[in-house]
Amino acid sequence: MSHGDEHGYGDLTRADDGPYQGGQTRTRLPDQPGDPYGGARRGSRSSSRSLITVVAVVVLLISAIAFANRSGGGPSSADGNGGGDKPKAAATAASGTRPVKTRTDGIPSGFAHDEQGAQSAAANYAVTLGSTGMFKKDSRHTILDLLYTSEAAARLQGPMDQAYSADFLKKMGLDANGNPPAGSTFVSRVVPIGTTVQQYSDSGAKVAVWYVGLIGMSAQTSTDPVTSSWKTWTFDLQWSGEDWKIVSDAQKDGPAPVPGDDRAATSDEIRKATEEYGGFTYAR
């Protein structure tokens, strides 16, 4: 089983990769046929007719949004009454079953016994398994016991302890207890983009989570800066003990979007962002 991508929660055999090789220069070539974003740039038009059309479209859009947000508290509200013609929300839209209110050791629990509950469980489990807690022995054992079936947790604990060895942690810039050096910030996050149910029954579900992962050390002297990767994490879940539990899981690369032209942030900017943006406590 692999948890994430770069060095730590990815393919653990890659933990001995060399230092980050920086200094690359990106060159933008002229638009080419077949370039997915090639024909997107066009010159501006000064036609008054075009301007009037744009203004009209914006006004209509604002009016439509205002109308859609009118609640009124009548039977056409979100309680489902009188909404037979209302289109269904997308599978991973923010609407749907309310988030769980229960937490165990800070981890959301008590997910609904349906497809939405299975998706919510898988998304939140990916967030937890991609967190810095996996790099510390005690919290890692707690995470395994909470998220996996008892059989799977017992099977994984030994191999996971070996994978997160002192040598491996040292290569990540951490001490034997999984702590970063003073003045440094270790980043390990999974941010779900969407989920899909591949199989479902009352007793089990197979859910794939598409996510972007962040991992690395934010420090001015770091040789392993924070990098991103795109992965799909698939969970085989079992309904057990009034909640969804992981039986097994697997990851694969992508799908990854075309990289943009964003300037890479400095180590200090990444550190501040990690501290200021604490991450979601509930996914989906």
Protein backbone atom coordinates (compact mmCIF):
# COMPACT_ATOMS: atom_id res chain seq x y z
CA MET A 1 0.00 0.00 0.00
CA SER A 2 1.29 3.47 -0.78
CA HIS A 3 0.26 6.73 0.85
CA GLY A 4 0.60 9.66 -1.56
CA ASP A 5 3.40 10.42 -3.93
CA GLU A 6 6.61 12.24 -3.08
CA HIS A 7 8.98 10.43 -0.71
CA GLY A 8 6.59 9.85 2.16
CA TYR A 9 3.07 8.88 1.36
CA GLY A 10 3.81 7.67 -2.12
CA ASP A 11 6.00 4.88 -3.36
CA LEU A 12 8.16 4.40 -0.29
CA THR A 13 10.92 2.89 -2.40
CA ARG A 14 11.50 6.38 -3.80
CA ALA A 15 12.51 7.77 -0.43
CA ASP A 16 16.16 7.87 -1.45
CA ASP A 17 15.62 10.20 -4.40
CA GLY A 18 18.29 12.85 -4.76
CA PRO A 19 17.97 16.49 -3.82
CA TYR A 20 15.55 18.69 -5.64
CA GLN A 21 17.01 19.88 -8.91
CA GLY A 22 16.00 23.50 -9.40
CA GLY A 23 16.97 26.15 -11.90
CA GLN A 24 14.80 24.95 -14.75
CA THR A 25 13.62 27.51 -17.30
CA ARG A 26 10.22 27.28 -18.96
CA THR A 27 9.87 28.54 -22.52
CA ARG A 28 6.48 29.32 -24.05
CA LEU A 29 6.25 28.30 -27.69
CA PRO A 30 3.81 29.77 -30.21
CA ASP A 31 0.36 28.18 -30.22
CA GLN A 32 0.47 24.81 -31.91
CA PRO A 33 -2.33 22.68 -33.35
CA GLY A 34 -3.51 20.20 -30.77
CA ASP A 35 -2.29 22.28 -27.82
CA PRO A 36 -5.11 21.85 -25.26
CA TYR A 37 -4.88 25.49 -24.26
CA GLY A 38 -3.31 26.78 -27.46
CA GLY A 39 -6.08 28.80 -29.06
CA ALA A 40 -7.27 30.38 -25.85
CA ARG A 41 -5.55 33.74 -26.33
CA ARG A 42 -7.24 36.18 -28.65
CA GLY A 43 -6.90 39.89 -29.21
CA SER A 44 -9.39 42.28 -27.62
CA ARG A 45 -12.22 43.83 -29.61
CA SER A 46 -13.29 47.41 -29.28
CA SER A 47 -16.67 47.05 -30.93
CA SER A 48 -19.41 48.80 -28.97
CA ARG A 49 -21.78 46.03 -30.00
CA SER A 50 -19.57 43.43 -28.29
CA LEU A 51 -19.42 45.58 -25.16
CA ILE A 52 -23.20 45.92 -25.04
CA THR A 53 -23.57 42.18 -25.48
CA VAL A 54 -21.15 41.43 -22.63
CA VAL A 55 -22.90 43.88 -20.31
CA ALA A 56 -26.27 42.34 -21.13
CA VAL A 57 -24.99 38.83 -20.41
CA VAL A 58 -23.53 39.93 -17.07
CA VAL A 59 -26.80 41.60 -16.06
CA LEU A 60 -28.78 38.49 -16.96
CA LEU A 61 -26.34 36.29 -15.02
CA ILE A 62 -26.60 38.45 -11.91
CA SER A 63 -30.39 38.41 -12.15
CA ALA A 64 -30.41 34.63 -12.54
CA ILE A 65 -28.17 34.15 -9.50
CA ALA A 66 -30.32 36.48 -7.40
CA PHE A 67 -33.48 34.63 -8.44
CA ALA A 68 -31.94 31.23 -7.69
CA ASN A 69 -30.89 32.35 -4.22
CA ARG A 70 -34.36 33.47 -3.21
CA SER A 71 -35.56 31.07 -0.53
CA GLY A 72 -38.90 32.34 0.77
CA GLY A 73 -39.16 29.31 3.08
CA GLY A 74 -41.95 27.76 1.02
CA PRO A 75 -42.38 24.12 -0.03
CA SER A 76 -39.93 24.62 -2.90
CA SER A 77 -37.01 24.96 -0.48
CA ALA A 78 -34.27 22.35 0.06
CA ASP A 79 -36.52 20.00 2.04
CA GLY A 80 -37.43 18.24 -1.21
CA ASN A 81 -41.16 19.02 -1.23
CA GLY A 82 -42.44 20.36 -4.50
CA GLY A 83 -39.02 19.94 -6.09
CA GLY A 84 -39.79 17.10 -8.46
CA ASP A 85 -38.49 19.01 -11.47
CA LYS A 86 -35.35 20.25 -9.73
CA PRO A 87 -32.19 18.86 -11.38
CA LYS A 88 -30.11 16.47 -9.29
CA ALA A 89 -26.85 17.70 -7.83
CA ALA A 90 -23.61 16.41 -9.28
CA ALA A 91 -22.12 13.38 -7.56
CA THR A 92 -19.47 15.42 -5.78
CA ALA A 93 -21.36 18.69 -5.35
CA ALA A 94 -21.36 20.38 -1.97
CA SER A 95 -25.06 19.65 -1.51
CA GLY A 96 -26.39 16.33 -0.25
CA THR A 97 -26.17 14.49 3.04
CA ARG A 98 -25.14 16.77 5.87
CA PRO A 99 -21.56 16.34 7.15
CA VAL A 100 -21.08 14.07 10.13
CA LYS A 101 -21.07 15.72 13.54
CA THR A 102 -19.11 13.05 15.37
CA ARG A 103 -15.33 12.81 15.55
CA THR A 104 -12.98 10.22 17.02
CA ASP A 105 -9.53 11.50 17.98
CA GLY A 106 -10.11 14.46 15.69
CA ILE A 107 -11.07 12.28 12.70
CA PRO A 108 -14.62 12.49 11.27
CA SER A 109 -16.61 9.30 11.90
CA GLY A 110 -20.14 7.94 11.77
CA PHE A 111 -20.68 8.35 8.03
CA ALA A 112 -24.04 7.69 6.43
CA HIS A 113 -24.82 4.15 5.34
CA ASP A 114 -25.30 5.05 1.69
CA GLU A 115 -23.30 6.01 -1.40
CA GLN A 116 -22.79 9.61 -0.29
CA GLY A 117 -21.59 8.41 3.09
CA ALA A 118 -19.10 6.07 1.44
CA GLN A 119 -17.78 8.91 -0.72
CA SER A 120 -17.45 11.20 2.29
CA ALA A 121 -15.66 8.49 4.24
CA ALA A 122 -13.19 7.82 1.42
CA ALA A 123 -12.43 11.53 0.93
CA ASN A 124 -11.83 12.11 4.63
CA TYR A 125 -9.76 8.95 4.99
CA ALA A 126 -7.52 10.13 2.14
CA VAL A 127 -7.05 13.47 3.94
CA THR A 128 -6.08 11.71 7.18
CA LEU A 129 -3.77 9.15 5.56
CA GLY A 130 -1.99 11.95 3.70
CA SER A 131 -1.42 14.04 6.82
CA THR A 132 1.71 14.57 8.91
CA GLY A 133 0.20 12.27 11.53
CA MET A 134 1.32 9.29 9.49
CA PHE A 135 4.96 10.21 10.14
CA LYS A 136 4.63 9.77 13.92
CA LYS A 137 4.33 6.26 15.33
CA ASP A 138 1.62 6.80 17.96
CA SER A 139 -0.69 8.83 15.72
CA ARG A 140 -0.07 6.45 12.82
CA HIS A 141 -1.20 3.47 14.90
CA THR A 142 -4.29 5.41 15.97
CA ILE A 143 -5.11 6.30 12.37
CA LEU A 144 -4.76 2.71 11.20
CA ASP A 145 -6.95 1.41 14.03
CA LEU A 146 -9.67 3.99 13.35
CA LEU A 147 -9.83 3.86 9.56
CA TYR A 148 -9.17 0.19 8.73
CA THR A 149 -10.92 -2.99 9.69
CA SER A 150 -9.28 -4.68 12.67
CA GLU A 151 -7.83 -7.37 10.39
CA ALA A 152 -6.40 -4.85 7.92
CA ALA A 153 -4.98 -2.63 10.69
CA ALA A 154 -3.22 -5.58 12.32
CA ARG A 155 -1.79 -6.64 8.97
CA LEU A 156 -0.53 -3.15 8.08
CA GLN A 157 0.95 -1.93 11.35
CA GLY A 158 4.26 -3.81 11.11
CA PRO A 159 4.98 -3.03 7.46
CA MET A 160 4.02 0.61 7.97
CA ASP A 161 6.38 0.95 10.94
CA GLN A 162 9.16 -0.47 8.81
CA ALA A 163 8.32 1.89 5.95
CA TYR A 164 8.38 4.94 8.23
CA SER A 165 11.74 3.96 9.67
CA ALA A 166 14.21 6.35 11.31
CA ASP A 167 16.34 6.29 8.16
CA PHE A 168 13.36 7.16 5.99
CA LEU A 169 12.30 9.99 8.32
CA LYS A 170 15.86 11.33 8.27
CA LYS A 171 15.78 11.48 4.47
CA MET A 172 12.59 13.51 4.78
CA GLY A 173 14.40 15.92 7.10
CA LEU A 174 12.57 14.67 10.22
CA ASP A 175 13.96 13.28 13.45
CA ALA A 176 13.27 9.76 14.69
CA ASN A 177 9.96 10.92 16.20
CA GLY A 178 8.74 12.52 12.98
CA ASN A 179 9.42 16.13 14.01
CA PRO A 180 10.98 18.75 11.71
CA PRO A 181 14.03 20.82 12.72
CA ALA A 182 13.49 24.05 14.61
CA GLY A 183 12.46 26.83 12.24
CA SER A 184 11.26 24.39 9.56
CA THR A 185 7.73 23.31 8.63
CA PHE A 186 7.02 19.84 7.29
CA VAL A 187 4.07 19.78 4.88
CA SER A 188 2.05 16.67 4.01
CA ARG A 189 -1.50 17.15 2.77
CA VAL A 190 -4.04 15.49 0.54
CA VAL A 191 -6.70 17.74 -1.00
CA PRO A 192 -9.58 15.78 -2.60
CA ILE A 193 -10.81 17.12 -5.93
CA GLY A 194 -13.67 14.67 -6.40
CA THR A 195 -14.94 11.17 -5.71
CA THR A 196 -16.75 8.45 -7.63
CA VAL A 197 -18.45 5.23 -6.57
CA GLN A 198 -17.23 2.31 -8.65
CA GLN A 199 -19.18 -0.36 -6.77
CA TYR A 200 -21.74 -0.23 -3.98
CA SER A 201 -23.78 -2.58 -1.81
CA ASP A 202 -25.14 -2.41 1.73
CA SER A 203 -22.09 -4.26 3.00
CA GLY A 204 -19.31 -2.70 0.95
CA ALA A 205 -18.26 -0.03 -1.51
CA LYS A 206 -15.39 0.79 -3.84
CA VAL A 207 -14.74 4.53 -4.01
CA ALA A 208 -12.04 6.39 -5.94
CA VAL A 209 -10.76 9.76 -4.74
CA TRP A 210 -9.02 12.11 -7.18
CA TYR A 211 -6.72 14.43 -5.29
CA VAL A 212 -3.71 16.72 -5.34
CA GLY A 213 -1.02 16.04 -2.76
CA LEU A 214 1.53 18.35 -1.17
CA ILE A 215 4.67 17.12 0.56
CA GLY A 216 8.10 18.47 1.47
CA MET A 217 10.03 20.58 3.95
CA SER A 218 9.51 24.32 4.03
CA ALA A 219 12.86 25.75 5.12
CA GLN A 220 15.42 28.06 3.57
CA THR A 221 18.05 25.31 3.62
CA SER A 222 15.72 22.47 2.57
CA THR A 223 16.88 20.13 -0.19
CA ASP A 224 13.36 18.65 -0.40
CA PRO A 225 11.00 21.61 -1.03
CA VAL A 226 7.23 21.26 -1.02
CA THR A 227 6.03 19.79 -4.31
CA SER A 228 2.63 18.77 -5.65
CA SER A 229 1.39 15.60 -7.34
CA TRP A 230 -1.91 14.38 -8.76
CA LYS A 231 -3.17 10.93 -7.82
CA THR A 232 -6.26 8.74 -7.70
CA TRP A 233 -6.70 6.80 -4.45
CA THR A 234 -9.14 3.88 -4.56
CA PHE A 235 -10.59 2.45 -1.34
CA ASP A 236 -12.35 -0.86 -0.82
CA LEU A 237 -14.68 -0.11 2.08
CA GLN A 238 -16.69 -2.39 4.35
CA TRP A 239 -19.65 -1.41 6.51
CA SER A 240 -18.53 -2.47 9.96
CA GLY A 241 -19.42 -1.30 13.47
CA GLU A 242 -21.86 1.36 12.25
CA ASP A 243 -19.27 3.03 10.01
CA TRP A 244 -17.25 2.56 6.84
CA LYS A 245 -13.86 0.89 7.30
CA ILE A 246 -11.03 0.36 4.82
CA VAL A 247 -10.32 -3.23 3.78
CA SER A 248 -7.66 -2.34 1.21
CA ASP A 249 -6.55 0.62 -0.89
CA ALA A 250 -4.39 1.42 -3.90
CA GLN A 251 -3.14 4.46 -5.78
CA LYS A 252 -2.24 5.41 -9.31
CA ASP A 253 -0.86 8.54 -10.95
CA GLY A 254 -3.11 11.26 -12.34
CA PRO A 255 -5.09 12.47 -14.02
CA ALA A 256 -2.87 15.56 -13.90
CA PRO A 257 -3.85 18.85 -15.57
CA VAL A 258 -1.53 20.81 -17.82
CA PRO A 259 0.85 22.82 -15.57
CA GLY A 260 0.18 26.53 -15.49
CA ASP A 261 2.57 29.46 -15.47
CA ASP A 262 2.37 30.12 -11.73
CA ARG A 263 5.52 31.38 -10.09
CA ALA A 264 6.88 28.92 -7.56
CA ALA A 265 6.46 30.29 -4.04
CA THR A 266 9.44 30.83 -1.79
CA SER A 267 10.01 28.61 1.23
CA ASP A 268 8.85 31.40 3.54
CA GLU A 269 5.65 31.90 1.54
CA ILE A 270 4.87 28.19 1.74
CA ARG A 271 5.53 28.16 5.47
CA LYS A 272 3.21 31.12 6.07
CA ALA A 273 0.50 29.62 3.88
CA THR A 274 0.69 26.31 5.75
CA GLU A 275 0.29 28.10 9.06
CA GLU A 276 -2.48 30.46 7.90
CA TYR A 277 -4.50 27.88 5.95
CA GLY A 278 -5.01 25.04 8.36
CA GLY A 279 -6.71 22.66 5.96
CA PHE A 280 -10.28 21.37 5.93
CA THR A 281 -11.60 19.43 8.88
CA TYR A 282 -14.21 17.74 6.69
CA ALA A 283 -13.91 16.83 3.02
CA ARG A 284 -16.90 16.86 0.65
